[in-house]
Protein backbone atom coordinates (compact mmCIF):
# COMPACT_ATOMS: atom_id res chain seq x y z
CA MET A 1 21.10 22.93 65.85
CA GLU A 2 18.49 25.33 64.70
CA GLU A 3 19.27 24.56 61.01
CA LEU A 4 18.68 20.84 61.61
CA LYS A 5 15.28 21.56 63.10
CA GLN A 6 14.39 23.69 60.09
CA ASN A 7 15.40 20.93 57.66
CA GLU A 8 13.27 18.41 59.55
CA GLN A 9 10.33 20.79 59.54
CA ILE A 10 10.61 21.41 55.78
CA GLN A 11 10.01 17.75 54.97
CA THR A 12 6.33 17.33 55.64
CA PRO A 13 4.47 14.02 55.56
CA LYS A 14 3.22 14.95 52.10
CA THR A 15 6.75 15.22 50.67
CA LYS A 16 7.71 11.94 52.37
CA LYS A 17 4.85 10.22 50.54
CA THR A 18 5.92 11.66 47.21
CA ASP A 19 9.54 10.60 47.83
CA GLU A 20 8.36 7.09 48.69
CA PHE A 21 6.17 7.10 45.58
CA HIS A 22 9.10 8.12 43.35
CA LEU A 23 11.33 5.50 44.96
CA LYS A 24 8.66 2.88 44.36
CA GLN A 25 8.26 3.99 40.74
CA ILE A 26 12.01 3.86 40.12
CA THR A 27 12.20 0.42 41.71
CA ILE A 28 9.42 -0.88 39.45
CA ILE A 29 11.09 0.55 36.34
CA ALA A 30 14.47 -0.94 37.31
CA LEU A 31 12.87 -4.32 37.94
CA ALA A 32 11.10 -4.22 34.57
CA ILE A 33 14.37 -3.40 32.81
CA PHE A 34 16.16 -6.23 34.64
CA ILE A 35 13.45 -8.77 33.78
CA THR A 36 13.46 -7.66 30.13
CA PHE A 37 17.24 -8.05 29.98
CA CYS A 38 17.03 -11.54 31.49
CA CYS A 39 14.33 -12.55 29.01
CA CYS A 40 16.46 -11.32 26.10
CA ILE A 41 19.43 -13.39 27.28
CA LEU A 42 17.20 -16.43 27.75
CA PHE A 43 15.72 -15.98 24.28
CA PHE A 44 19.22 -15.73 22.78
CA PHE A 45 20.31 -19.01 24.36
CA VAL A 46 17.10 -20.77 23.36
CA ILE A 47 17.64 -19.83 19.72
CA TYR A 48 21.35 -20.54 19.42
CA ARG A 49 21.80 -23.49 21.77
CA TYR A 50 18.67 -25.55 21.24
CA ASN A 51 18.49 -27.48 17.95
CA GLY A 52 14.89 -28.51 18.49
CA PHE A 53 13.83 -24.89 18.43
CA THR A 54 15.34 -24.34 15.00
CA ASP A 55 13.56 -27.42 13.65
CA PHE A 56 10.30 -26.15 15.12
CA TRP A 57 10.88 -22.69 13.63
CA LYS A 58 11.51 -24.18 10.16
CA LYS A 59 8.30 -26.21 10.33
CA LEU A 60 6.31 -23.22 11.53
CA THR A 61 7.57 -20.95 8.75
CA TYR A 62 6.88 -23.69 6.19
CA ILE A 63 3.30 -24.00 7.45
CA LEU A 64 2.72 -20.25 7.65
CA GLN A 65 4.40 -19.43 4.33
CA PRO A 66 1.10 -18.98 2.39
CA VAL A 67 -0.21 -16.63 5.06
CA ILE A 68 3.01 -14.61 5.09
CA ILE A 69 3.04 -14.34 1.29
CA GLY A 70 -0.62 -13.30 1.29
CA ARG A 71 0.00 -10.56 3.83
CA VAL A 72 2.99 -9.25 1.87
CA VAL A 73 0.99 -9.18 -1.37
CA ALA A 74 -1.92 -7.43 0.37
CA TYR A 75 0.50 -4.88 1.86
CA LEU A 76 2.01 -4.17 -1.54
CA LEU A 77 -1.33 -3.93 -3.37
CA ASN A 78 -3.01 -1.71 -0.76
CA PRO A 79 -1.73 1.65 -2.13
CA LEU A 80 -2.88 0.74 -5.63
CA MET A 81 -6.27 -0.35 -4.32
CA LYS A 82 -6.66 2.90 -2.36
CA LEU A 83 -5.79 4.95 -5.44
CA ILE A 84 -8.31 3.13 -7.62
CA ASP A 85 -10.93 3.29 -4.85
CA GLY A 86 -10.54 7.06 -4.46
CA LYS A 87 -10.83 7.71 -8.19
CA LEU A 88 -13.84 5.42 -8.65
CA PHE A 89 -15.60 6.78 -5.57
CA SER A 90 -15.31 10.34 -6.82
CA LEU A 91 -16.65 9.14 -10.17
CA PHE A 92 -19.62 7.21 -8.70
CA LYS A 93 -20.41 9.68 -5.92
CA GLY A 94 -22.29 12.14 -8.12
CA LYS A 95 -23.99 9.50 -10.27
CA MET A 96 -25.54 7.33 -7.55
CA LYS A 97 -28.29 8.15 -5.09
CA SER A 98 -26.63 6.55 -2.09
CA GLU A 99 -23.09 7.44 -1.11
CA LYS A 100 -22.83 4.19 0.84
CA LYS A 101 -23.63 2.16 -2.28
CA ALA A 102 -21.09 4.15 -4.31
CA LYS A 103 -18.44 3.39 -1.68
CA LYS A 104 -19.21 -0.35 -1.77
CA ILE A 105 -19.12 -0.55 -5.55
CA SER A 106 -15.92 1.49 -5.82
CA ARG A 107 -14.25 -0.67 -3.16
CA GLY A 108 -15.22 -3.90 -4.92
CA LEU A 109 -14.03 -2.66 -8.29
CA ALA A 110 -10.79 -1.37 -6.73
CA ILE A 111 -10.05 -4.77 -5.20
CA ALA A 112 -10.79 -6.46 -8.52
CA GLY A 113 -8.57 -3.97 -10.35
CA ALA A 114 -5.67 -4.51 -7.95
CA LEU A 115 -6.01 -8.29 -8.32
CA LEU A 116 -6.10 -7.97 -12.11
CA PHE A 117 -2.93 -5.91 -11.91
CA LEU A 118 -1.30 -8.66 -9.81
CA VAL A 119 -2.35 -11.36 -12.28
CA ASP A 120 -1.11 -9.27 -15.20
CA VAL A 121 2.27 -8.66 -13.64
CA SER A 122 2.74 -12.25 -12.49
CA MET A 123 1.69 -13.79 -15.82
CA ARG A 124 4.08 -11.77 -17.97
CA PRO A 125 6.98 -13.90 -19.12
CA ASP A 126 9.34 -10.95 -18.75
CA ALA A 127 8.41 -10.51 -15.10
CA TRP A 128 10.45 -13.50 -13.94
CA GLY A 129 13.05 -13.52 -16.71
CA SER A 130 11.85 -16.82 -18.17
CA ASN A 131 11.51 -15.50 -21.73
CA ARG A 132 15.05 -14.26 -22.14
CA ARG A 133 17.01 -15.61 -25.05
CA PRO A 134 20.58 -16.60 -24.52
CA ALA A 135 23.08 -14.28 -26.13
CA SER A 136 24.17 -15.64 -29.49
CA PRO A 137 27.89 -15.64 -30.19
């Protein structure tokens, strides 16, 4: 009997609040996981069972294709542009009065250099294999 009274006395109102708080937190996390799982299942059935969605997706990708290609090209040219920008900035930094102006000029020239590199690579006939001669027998 005395042990039961001691156990009841150990749990103070403060620990009851923290237990309720943890239970509430666990309930919220479990609910979020359940809702996420349901949304994933719903998304799966929308994609694979609804033909109108696939038609819409094809039209959307066709419309957004220039934007997607532009972002990919910008992503691929960014390291080259940063390299050129760093080299030009260190070159212009000591020769110009304003560091801000040197940064602007180096950035502009780096963008132009990266675009020239893109044009050079894309205009080469060997880049796409269009200038290959057929093997002669």
